[in-house]
Amino acid sequence: MDFHRHGLLTALGFAALTGNSALAIYRSRDDPRSVVFVAGAYASIALLFHFLRRLERGEEGGGGRTTTRAAVWLLTTLLTAMFASRVAPLMPPPVGFVVYSMAAGTAGTGFWALFLHRQQ
């Protein structure tokens, strides 16, 4: 990680995320579903930060900006769905429906913002 380009706070935040994820995996080592959930969320967040950095810098890469925006949208939608699927079953059915509806609305709004809305 390049501390000069990303800053100390970013490095500390990423270190805290890594430590928290490692601790969560250690504490849930007897529950494989929880381990997979934490590892998947950690990997998704790490990839999301990578693609967000590329999007902010305007790096074209192989497929261009559209591919980077698609990666950002897919990762945010994945994280939203993952967390909604963990929270909604703990709620009463009407509240669970609201959680899933908000997750779908967030994914739809993100798609609109990244692909359909053109700034003038």
C-alpha atoms as a PDB file:
ATOM      1  CA  MET A   1       0.000   0.000   0.000  1.00  0.00           C
ATOM      2  CA  ASP A   2       1.350   3.400  -1.009  1.00  0.00           C
ATOM      3  CA  PHE A   3       1.096   5.625   2.089  1.00  0.00           C
ATOM      4  CA  HIS A   4       2.095   8.788   0.238  1.00  0.00           C
ATOM      5  CA  ARG A   5      -0.641   8.515  -2.343  1.00  0.00           C
ATOM      6  CA  HIS A   6      -3.500   7.263  -0.161  1.00  0.00           C
ATOM      7  CA  GLY A   7      -2.755   8.806   3.190  1.00  0.00           C
ATOM      8  CA  LEU A   8      -2.257   7.503   6.654  1.00  0.00           C
ATOM      9  CA  LEU A   9      -5.962   7.555   7.541  1.00  0.00           C
ATOM     10  CA  THR A  10      -6.782   5.265   4.635  1.00  0.00           C
ATOM     11  CA  ALA A  11      -4.070   2.849   5.692  1.00  0.00           C
ATOM     12  CA  LEU A  12      -5.293   2.905   9.294  1.00  0.00           C
ATOM     13  CA  GLY A  13      -8.871   2.340   8.182  1.00  0.00           C
ATOM     14  CA  PHE A  14      -7.856  -0.579   6.012  1.00  0.00           C
ATOM     15  CA  ALA A  15      -5.788  -2.018   8.877  1.00  0.00           C
ATOM     16  CA  ALA A  16      -8.789  -1.707  11.214  1.00  0.00           C
ATOM     17  CA  LEU A  17     -11.014  -3.432   8.645  1.00  0.00           C
ATOM     18  CA  THR A  18      -8.466  -6.227   8.245  1.00  0.00           C
ATOM     19  CA  GLY A  19      -8.080  -6.699  11.997  1.00  0.00           C
ATOM     20  CA  ASN A  20     -11.821  -6.646  12.589  1.00  0.00           C
ATOM     21  CA  SER A  21     -12.413  -9.159   9.797  1.00  0.00           C
ATOM     22  CA  ALA A  22      -9.678 -11.468  11.102  1.00  0.00           C
ATOM     23  CA  LEU A  23     -11.159 -11.309  14.601  1.00  0.00           C
ATOM     24  CA  ALA A  24     -14.667 -12.012  13.265  1.00  0.00           C
ATOM     25  CA  ILE A  25     -13.378 -15.010  11.310  1.00  0.00           C
ATOM     26  CA  TYR A  26     -11.543 -16.295  14.380  1.00  0.00           C
ATOM     27  CA  ARG A  27     -14.601 -15.918  16.613  1.00  0.00           C
ATOM     28  CA  SER A  28     -16.884 -17.659  14.113  1.00  0.00           C
ATOM     29  CA  ARG A  29     -14.455 -20.447  13.161  1.00  0.00           C
ATOM     30  CA  ASP A  30     -17.055 -23.073  14.160  1.00  0.00           C
ATOM     31  CA  ASP A  31     -19.656 -21.610  11.773  1.00  0.00           C
ATOM     32  CA  PRO A  32     -18.486 -21.984   8.153  1.00  0.00           C
ATOM     33  CA  ARG A  33     -21.336 -19.843   6.775  1.00  0.00           C
ATOM     34  CA  SER A  34     -20.283 -16.907   8.934  1.00  0.00           C
ATOM     35  CA  VAL A  35     -16.638 -17.330   7.958  1.00  0.00           C
ATOM     36  CA  VAL A  36     -17.575 -17.277   4.260  1.00  0.00           C
ATOM     37  CA  PHE A  37     -19.788 -14.230   4.831  1.00  0.00           C
ATOM     38  CA  VAL A  38     -17.038 -12.248   6.572  1.00  0.00           C
ATOM     39  CA  ALA A  39     -14.374 -13.275   4.059  1.00  0.00           C
ATOM     40  CA  GLY A  40     -16.667 -12.411   1.143  1.00  0.00           C
ATOM     41  CA  ALA A  41     -17.585  -9.047   2.627  1.00  0.00           C
ATOM     42  CA  TYR A  42     -13.920  -8.246   3.289  1.00  0.00           C
ATOM     43  CA  ALA A  43     -12.888  -9.181  -0.257  1.00  0.00           C
ATOM     44  CA  SER A  44     -15.784  -7.194  -1.726  1.00  0.00           C
ATOM     45  CA  ILE A  45     -14.922  -4.094   0.290  1.00  0.00           C
ATOM     46  CA  ALA A  46     -11.234  -4.337  -0.647  1.00  0.00           C
ATOM     47  CA  LEU A  47     -12.122  -4.668  -4.340  1.00  0.00           C
ATOM     48  CA  LEU A  48     -14.640  -1.839  -4.042  1.00  0.00           C
ATOM     49  CA  PHE A  49     -11.971   0.512  -2.683  1.00  0.00           C
ATOM     50  CA  HIS A  50      -9.660  -0.476  -5.527  1.00  0.00           C
ATOM     51  CA  PHE A  51     -12.268   0.250  -8.204  1.00  0.00           C
ATOM     52  CA  LEU A  52     -13.462   3.439  -6.496  1.00  0.00           C
ATOM     53  CA  ARG A  53      -9.883   4.713  -6.527  1.00  0.00           C
ATOM     54  CA  ARG A  54      -9.663   3.923 -10.252  1.00  0.00           C
ATOM     55  CA  LEU A  55     -12.991   5.648 -10.876  1.00  0.00           C
ATOM     56  CA  GLU A  56     -11.947   8.778  -8.972  1.00  0.00           C
ATOM     57  CA  ARG A  57      -8.643   9.004 -10.834  1.00  0.00           C
ATOM     58  CA  GLY A  58     -10.288   8.421 -14.182  1.00  0.00           C
ATOM     59  CA  GLU A  59      -8.006   5.494 -15.025  1.00  0.00           C
ATOM     60  CA  GLU A  60      -9.273   3.943 -18.211  1.00  0.00           C
ATOM     61  CA  GLY A  61      -7.827   0.465 -17.890  1.00  0.00           C
ATOM     62  CA  GLY A  62      -8.630  -2.225 -20.457  1.00  0.00           C
ATOM     63  CA  GLY A  63     -12.403  -1.804 -20.683  1.00  0.00           C
ATOM     64  CA  GLY A  64     -12.672   1.895 -19.948  1.00  0.00           C
ATOM     65  CA  ARG A  65     -14.662   3.824 -17.400  1.00  0.00           C
ATOM     66  CA  THR A  66     -17.854   1.874 -18.052  1.00  0.00           C
ATOM     67  CA  THR A  67     -16.205  -1.346 -16.891  1.00  0.00           C
ATOM     68  CA  THR A  68     -14.959   0.354 -13.734  1.00  0.00           C
ATOM     69  CA  ARG A  69     -18.417   1.790 -13.022  1.00  0.00           C
ATOM     70  CA  ALA A  70     -19.951  -1.645 -13.611  1.00  0.00           C
ATOM     71  CA  ALA A  71     -17.515  -3.189 -11.127  1.00  0.00           C
ATOM     72  CA  VAL A  72     -18.359  -0.512  -8.540  1.00  0.00           C
ATOM     73  CA  TRP A  73     -22.087  -1.051  -9.026  1.00  0.00           C
ATOM     74  CA  LEU A  74     -21.820  -4.853  -8.878  1.00  0.00           C
ATOM     75  CA  LEU A  75     -19.729  -4.781  -5.702  1.00  0.00           C
ATOM     76  CA  THR A  76     -22.008  -2.292  -3.923  1.00  0.00           C
ATOM     77  CA  THR A  77     -25.066  -4.298  -4.968  1.00  0.00           C
ATOM     78  CA  LEU A  78     -23.413  -7.500  -3.754  1.00  0.00           C
ATOM     79  CA  LEU A  79     -22.592  -5.958  -0.369  1.00  0.00           C
ATOM     80  CA  THR A  80     -26.095  -4.519  -0.035  1.00  0.00           C
ATOM     81  CA  ALA A  81     -27.664  -7.899  -0.820  1.00  0.00           C
ATOM     82  CA  MET A  82     -25.301  -9.735   1.522  1.00  0.00           C
ATOM     83  CA  PHE A  83     -26.079  -7.520   4.482  1.00  0.00           C
ATOM     84  CA  ALA A  84     -29.815  -7.376   3.738  1.00  0.00           C
ATOM     85  CA  SER A  85     -29.916 -11.174   3.602  1.00  0.00           C
ATOM     86  CA  ARG A  86     -28.381 -11.318   7.076  1.00  0.00           C
ATOM     87  CA  VAL A  87     -30.571  -8.615   8.637  1.00  0.00           C
ATOM     88  CA  ALA A  88     -34.011  -9.266   7.097  1.00  0.00           C
ATOM     89  CA  PRO A  89     -34.522 -12.795   8.533  1.00  0.00           C
ATOM     90  CA  LEU A  90     -33.988 -11.406  12.047  1.00  0.00           C
ATOM     91  CA  MET A  91     -36.872  -8.965  11.644  1.00  0.00           C
ATOM     92  CA  PRO A  92     -40.630  -9.510  11.640  1.00  0.00           C
ATOM     93  CA  PRO A  93     -41.827 -10.279   8.075  1.00  0.00           C
ATOM     94  CA  PRO A  94     -43.156  -6.767   7.285  1.00  0.00           C
ATOM     95  CA  VAL A  95     -39.894  -5.173   8.427  1.00  0.00           C
ATOM     96  CA  GLY A  96     -37.896  -7.791   6.514  1.00  0.00           C
ATOM     97  CA  PHE A  97     -39.836  -6.828   3.402  1.00  0.00           C
ATOM     98  CA  VAL A  98     -38.881  -3.192   4.008  1.00  0.00           C
ATOM     99  CA  VAL A  99     -35.207  -4.191   4.375  1.00  0.00           C
ATOM    100  CA  TYR A 100     -35.282  -6.077   1.067  1.00  0.00           C
ATOM    101  CA  SER A 101     -37.194  -3.231  -0.610  1.00  0.00           C
ATOM    102  CA  MET A 102     -34.640  -0.690   0.559  1.00  0.00           C
ATOM    103  CA  ALA A 103     -31.804  -2.912  -0.703  1.00  0.00           C
ATOM    104  CA  ALA A 104     -33.475  -3.178  -4.125  1.00  0.00           C
ATOM    105  CA  GLY A 105     -34.086   0.583  -4.164  1.00  0.00           C
ATOM    106  CA  THR A 106     -30.460   1.248  -3.295  1.00  0.00           C
ATOM    107  CA  ALA A 107     -29.246  -1.030  -6.097  1.00  0.00           C
ATOM    108  CA  GLY A 108     -31.633   0.589  -8.583  1.00  0.00           C
ATOM    109  CA  THR A 109     -30.660   4.110  -7.574  1.00  0.00           C
ATOM    110  CA  GLY A 110     -26.977   3.217  -7.814  1.00  0.00           C
ATOM    111  CA  PHE A 111     -27.517   1.881 -11.327  1.00  0.00           C
ATOM    112  CA  TRP A 112     -29.336   5.071 -12.291  1.00  0.00           C
ATOM    113  CA  ALA A 113     -26.597   7.269 -10.808  1.00  0.00           C
ATOM    114  CA  LEU A 114     -23.708   5.391 -12.426  1.00  0.00           C
ATOM    115  CA  PHE A 115     -25.151   4.574 -15.846  1.00  0.00           C
ATOM    116  CA  LEU A 116     -28.340   6.448 -16.708  1.00  0.00           C
ATOM    117  CA  HIS A 117     -27.833   9.902 -15.203  1.00  0.00           C
ATOM    118  CA  ARG A 118     -25.630  12.032 -17.400  1.00  0.00           C
ATOM    119  CA  GLN A 119     -24.105  15.173 -15.944  1.00  0.00           C
ATOM    120  CA  GLN A 120     -24.262  18.164 -18.250  1.00  0.00           C
END
